[in-house]
Protein backbone atom coordinates (compact mmCIF):
# COMPACT_ATOMS: atom_id res chain seq x y z
CA MET A 1 0.67 26.34 9.47
CA ARG A 2 -0.23 25.55 13.10
CA ARG A 3 -2.32 22.60 11.94
CA LEU A 4 0.45 21.42 9.64
CA ARG A 5 2.98 21.40 12.46
CA LYS A 6 0.39 19.59 14.65
CA PHE A 7 0.12 16.88 11.96
CA ASP A 8 3.87 16.28 11.88
CA TYR A 9 4.00 16.35 15.65
CA LEU A 10 1.39 13.72 16.02
CA GLN A 11 3.41 11.36 13.79
CA ILE A 12 6.64 11.96 15.80
CA VAL A 13 4.69 11.25 18.98
CA ALA A 14 3.56 7.94 17.55
CA ALA A 15 7.10 7.16 16.48
CA PHE A 16 8.62 7.72 19.88
CA THR A 17 5.76 5.89 21.63
CA GLY A 18 6.94 2.81 19.56
CA LEU A 19 10.50 3.35 20.67
CA VAL A 20 9.45 3.63 24.32
CA ILE A 21 7.56 0.35 23.93
CA PHE A 22 10.66 -1.38 22.58
CA ILE A 23 12.82 0.02 25.32
CA VAL A 24 10.34 -0.99 28.09
CA MET A 25 10.20 -4.55 26.67
CA ALA A 26 14.07 -4.71 26.44
CA ILE A 27 14.56 -3.50 30.02
CA GLY A 28 11.86 -5.89 31.30
CA TYR A 29 13.59 -8.86 29.62
CA VAL A 30 17.18 -7.99 30.65
CA TYR A 31 16.20 -7.32 34.21
CA HIS A 32 13.59 -10.11 34.54
CA LEU A 33 10.79 -7.70 35.51
CA GLY A 34 7.33 -9.07 36.48
CA TYR A 35 5.44 -7.37 33.74
CA ILE A 36 7.27 -9.27 31.00
CA ASP A 37 6.10 -12.57 32.38
CA TRP A 38 2.59 -11.28 32.75
CA LEU A 39 2.55 -10.03 29.21
CA ASP A 40 3.92 -13.29 27.85
CA GLN A 41 1.36 -15.40 29.73
CA PHE A 42 -1.40 -13.09 28.58
CA GLY A 43 -0.28 -13.57 24.97
CA PHE A 44 -0.09 -17.38 25.22
CA HIS A 45 -3.50 -17.50 26.91
CA TYR A 46 -5.40 -15.13 24.69
CA LEU A 47 -3.61 -15.38 21.28
CA ARG A 48 -2.34 -19.03 21.33
CA GLU A 49 -5.32 -20.93 22.74
CA PRO A 50 -6.98 -22.97 21.51
CA LEU A 51 -4.64 -24.86 19.20
CA THR A 52 -6.79 -26.20 16.36
CA PRO A 53 -5.88 -27.64 12.87
CA GLU A 54 -7.82 -24.81 11.24
CA ARG A 55 -6.05 -22.02 13.14
CA SER A 56 -2.72 -23.75 12.74
CA TRP A 57 -3.15 -23.98 9.00
CA PHE A 58 -4.15 -20.23 8.89
CA PHE A 59 -1.32 -18.96 10.92
CA ARG A 60 1.36 -21.15 9.28
CA ASN A 61 0.49 -19.60 5.97
CA ILE A 62 0.04 -15.98 7.34
CA THR A 63 3.53 -16.10 8.96
CA ARG A 64 5.10 -16.78 5.57
CA ALA A 65 4.26 -13.23 4.53
CA GLY A 66 6.76 -12.03 7.13
CA ASN A 67 9.55 -14.44 6.13
CA THR A 68 12.95 -12.92 5.41
CA LYS A 69 13.18 -14.33 1.90
CA TRP A 70 9.76 -13.02 1.00
CA THR A 71 10.24 -9.56 2.46
CA ALA A 72 13.60 -9.32 0.72
CA LEU A 73 12.04 -10.32 -2.64
CA VAL A 74 9.27 -7.70 -2.30
CA MET A 75 11.88 -5.10 -1.38
CA VAL A 76 14.01 -5.87 -4.43
CA VAL A 77 11.04 -5.96 -6.92
CA THR A 78 9.58 -2.73 -5.57
CA ALA A 79 12.98 -1.04 -5.62
CA ILE A 80 13.64 -2.10 -9.22
CA ILE A 81 10.24 -0.87 -10.30
CA ALA A 82 10.79 2.44 -8.60
CA LEU A 83 14.18 2.84 -10.31
CA LEU A 84 12.66 2.06 -13.76
CA ILE A 85 10.08 4.80 -13.28
CA ARG A 86 12.75 7.18 -11.77
CA LYS A 87 11.36 7.20 -8.35
CA LEU A 88 14.66 7.11 -6.38
CA ASP A 89 13.06 8.18 -3.14
CA VAL A 90 10.74 5.15 -3.23
CA ALA A 91 13.62 2.79 -3.93
CA ILE A 92 15.65 4.26 -0.98
CA PHE A 93 12.56 4.10 1.29
CA MET A 94 12.07 0.39 0.67
CA ILE A 95 15.83 -0.49 0.79
CA VAL A 96 16.33 1.49 4.09
CA ASN A 97 13.25 0.03 5.75
CA VAL A 98 13.32 -3.53 4.67
CA GLY A 99 16.96 -4.13 3.91
CA VAL A 100 18.75 -1.98 6.54
CA PHE A 101 16.25 -1.88 9.32
CA GLY A 102 14.14 -5.01 8.81
CA LEU A 103 16.99 -7.37 8.08
CA GLY A 104 20.17 -5.69 9.41
CA VAL A 105 18.93 -4.02 12.68
CA MET A 106 16.79 -7.00 13.58
CA SER A 107 19.73 -9.40 13.24
CA LEU A 108 21.86 -7.02 15.38
CA PHE A 109 19.39 -6.95 18.27
CA LYS A 110 18.69 -10.67 18.20
CA HIS A 111 22.37 -11.34 18.66
CA LEU A 112 22.56 -8.61 21.32
CA PHE A 113 19.77 -9.98 23.60
CA HIS A 114 20.24 -13.70 22.91
CA ARG A 115 16.77 -14.58 24.24
CA PRO A 116 15.88 -18.23 23.64
CA ARG A 117 12.63 -19.22 21.86
CA PRO A 118 9.73 -20.05 24.26
CA ALA A 119 10.01 -23.54 25.81
CA ILE A 120 6.61 -24.70 24.58
CA TYR A 121 5.33 -26.71 21.71
CA HIS A 122 6.27 -25.09 18.29
CA VAL A 123 3.76 -25.48 15.60
CA ILE A 124 6.52 -24.85 13.10
CA GLU A 125 10.27 -25.31 13.32
CA GLN A 126 12.16 -22.09 13.98
CA SER A 127 15.80 -21.49 14.76
CA GLY A 128 17.60 -18.39 16.11
CA TYR A 129 16.82 -16.04 18.92
CA SER A 130 13.53 -14.70 20.08
CA PHE A 131 13.84 -11.03 20.98
CA PRO A 132 12.65 -8.89 19.22
CA SER A 133 10.38 -10.60 16.80
CA GLY A 134 11.83 -10.23 13.28
CA HIS A 135 8.46 -11.11 11.71
CA ALA A 136 6.75 -8.33 13.72
CA LEU A 137 9.42 -5.90 12.68
CA ASN A 138 9.36 -6.94 9.09
CA ALA A 139 5.61 -6.82 8.96
CA ILE A 140 5.37 -3.19 10.10
CA LEU A 141 8.41 -2.12 7.97
CA LEU A 142 7.42 -3.95 4.70
CA TYR A 143 3.68 -3.59 4.73
CA GLY A 144 3.68 -0.30 6.52
CA SER A 145 5.94 1.02 3.82
CA LEU A 146 3.60 -0.31 1.18
CA ILE A 147 0.66 1.35 2.91
CA VAL A 148 2.59 4.66 2.73
CA LEU A 149 3.34 4.23 -0.98
CA VAL A 150 -0.16 3.22 -1.84
CA HIS A 151 -1.50 6.25 -0.01
CA TYR A 152 0.87 8.62 -1.85
CA TYR A 153 0.64 7.08 -5.42
CA LEU A 154 -3.00 5.86 -5.67
CA LYS A 155 -4.77 8.97 -4.54
CA SER A 156 -6.98 9.07 -7.52
CA GLU A 157 -8.17 5.46 -7.06
CA ASP A 158 -9.94 5.44 -3.71
CA ASN A 159 -11.43 1.97 -3.96
CA ILE A 160 -8.16 0.34 -4.98
CA ARG A 161 -6.22 2.32 -2.48
CA TYR A 162 -8.46 1.42 0.45
CA ALA A 163 -8.50 -2.27 -0.53
CA PHE A 164 -4.65 -2.46 -0.61
CA MET A 165 -4.28 -0.47 2.63
CA THR A 166 -6.84 -2.79 4.34
CA LEU A 167 -5.00 -5.91 3.12
CA PHE A 168 -1.58 -4.56 4.24
CA ALA A 169 -2.94 -3.37 7.59
CA GLY A 170 -4.41 -6.81 8.14
CA LEU A 171 -1.07 -8.41 7.49
CA VAL A 172 0.66 -5.95 9.89
CA ILE A 173 -1.57 -7.26 12.66
CA ALA A 174 -1.94 -10.93 11.73
CA ILE A 175 1.77 -11.78 11.17
CA PRO A 176 2.81 -10.71 14.74
CA VAL A 177 -0.16 -12.62 16.22
CA SER A 178 0.90 -15.72 14.22
CA ARG A 179 4.19 -15.83 15.86
CA VAL A 180 2.74 -16.06 19.35
CA TYR A 181 0.24 -18.57 18.18
CA LEU A 182 2.88 -20.76 16.51
CA GLY A 183 4.80 -20.75 19.81
CA VAL A 184 7.97 -19.40 18.46
CA HIS A 185 7.81 -15.94 20.14
CA TYR A 186 6.76 -14.42 23.35
CA PHE A 187 4.11 -11.57 23.30
CA SER A 188 6.85 -9.18 24.58
CA ASP A 189 9.02 -10.17 21.57
CA VAL A 190 6.20 -9.10 19.23
CA LEU A 191 5.52 -5.88 21.05
CA ALA A 192 9.12 -4.96 20.95
CA GLY A 193 9.45 -5.73 17.18
CA PHE A 194 6.20 -3.80 16.51
CA GLY A 195 7.22 -0.83 18.55
CA LEU A 196 10.76 -0.60 17.07
CA GLY A 197 9.35 -1.08 13.55
CA THR A 198 6.85 1.77 14.08
CA PHE A 199 9.61 4.11 15.20
CA LEU A 200 11.81 3.33 12.22
CA LEU A 201 8.98 3.43 9.74
CA ILE A 202 7.66 6.83 10.73
CA MET A 203 11.17 8.40 11.03
CA SER A 204 12.28 7.10 7.63
CA LYS A 205 9.02 8.36 6.07
CA GLU A 206 9.49 11.72 7.75
CA ILE A 207 12.97 12.07 6.51
CA ILE A 208 12.64 10.58 2.97
CA PHE A 209 9.12 11.83 2.19
CA LYS A 210 8.94 14.97 4.27
CA TYR A 211 8.02 17.13 1.29
CA ARG A 212 5.30 14.68 0.34
CA THR A 213 3.79 14.53 3.90
CA ARG A 214 3.35 18.23 3.83
CA GLU A 215 2.04 18.23 0.27
CA VAL A 216 -0.64 15.61 1.03
CA PHE A 217 -1.83 17.42 4.18
CA GLU A 218 -1.82 20.85 2.40
CA ASN A 219 -3.91 19.47 -0.44
CA ALA A 220 -6.34 18.01 2.07
CA LEU A 221 -6.64 21.48 3.81
CA ASN A 222 -7.13 23.21 0.36
CA SER A 223 -9.73 20.72 -0.69
CA LYS A 224 -11.62 21.24 2.54
CA SER A 225 -11.35 25.03 2.20
CA SER A 226 -12.63 24.98 -1.38
CA THR A 227 -15.69 22.83 -0.49
CA ASN A 228 -16.67 25.45 2.13
CA ILE A 229 -16.76 28.20 -0.49
CA PRO A 230 -20.38 28.94 -1.49
């Protein structure tokens, strides 16, 4: 039981670390603190340069995987399938993360902070406000949710499970990077969206799938114990 509580505790620590990152980025932007400018310049220098046709083609296509219409479509399809197979918790999980958090909360914060887009060349056209990055938030909430679902429901198919988890994890990283490269977000926007998304994802998972988190960990402990029996 001590190890079980430690497992849950570490997830909560990760969630609140993400929340702290979001708060630090928000305070830095509102009060024009020096570390925000340093982070943003760091992002443009190391993530955006050099601008090449090949990289631009890659990131223009990658960023589409975080677009609002696409994430909403994936949410609706996943929720409908979940309801058809009587997995109400899965439907709620997707709707809360992608619909309420990824689309609703993101829009609220963008209008609250009113940060303009970077005043540099934009590889793609993008309207609206900059902080926090909606694509970074959507990436962690949508593909992070899919990682959770794949982990829970494809436990007997290790090769397929790991392939999907690797793909989704790659998108979680590549989509936020694409926003800085394309010039439509500052690096601090991306960090804020990623941090907030991490907090919301873990907390929703802990609340909606609490029983399953414990079940998975208990099964892992039991399997380990059984393999040690001579």
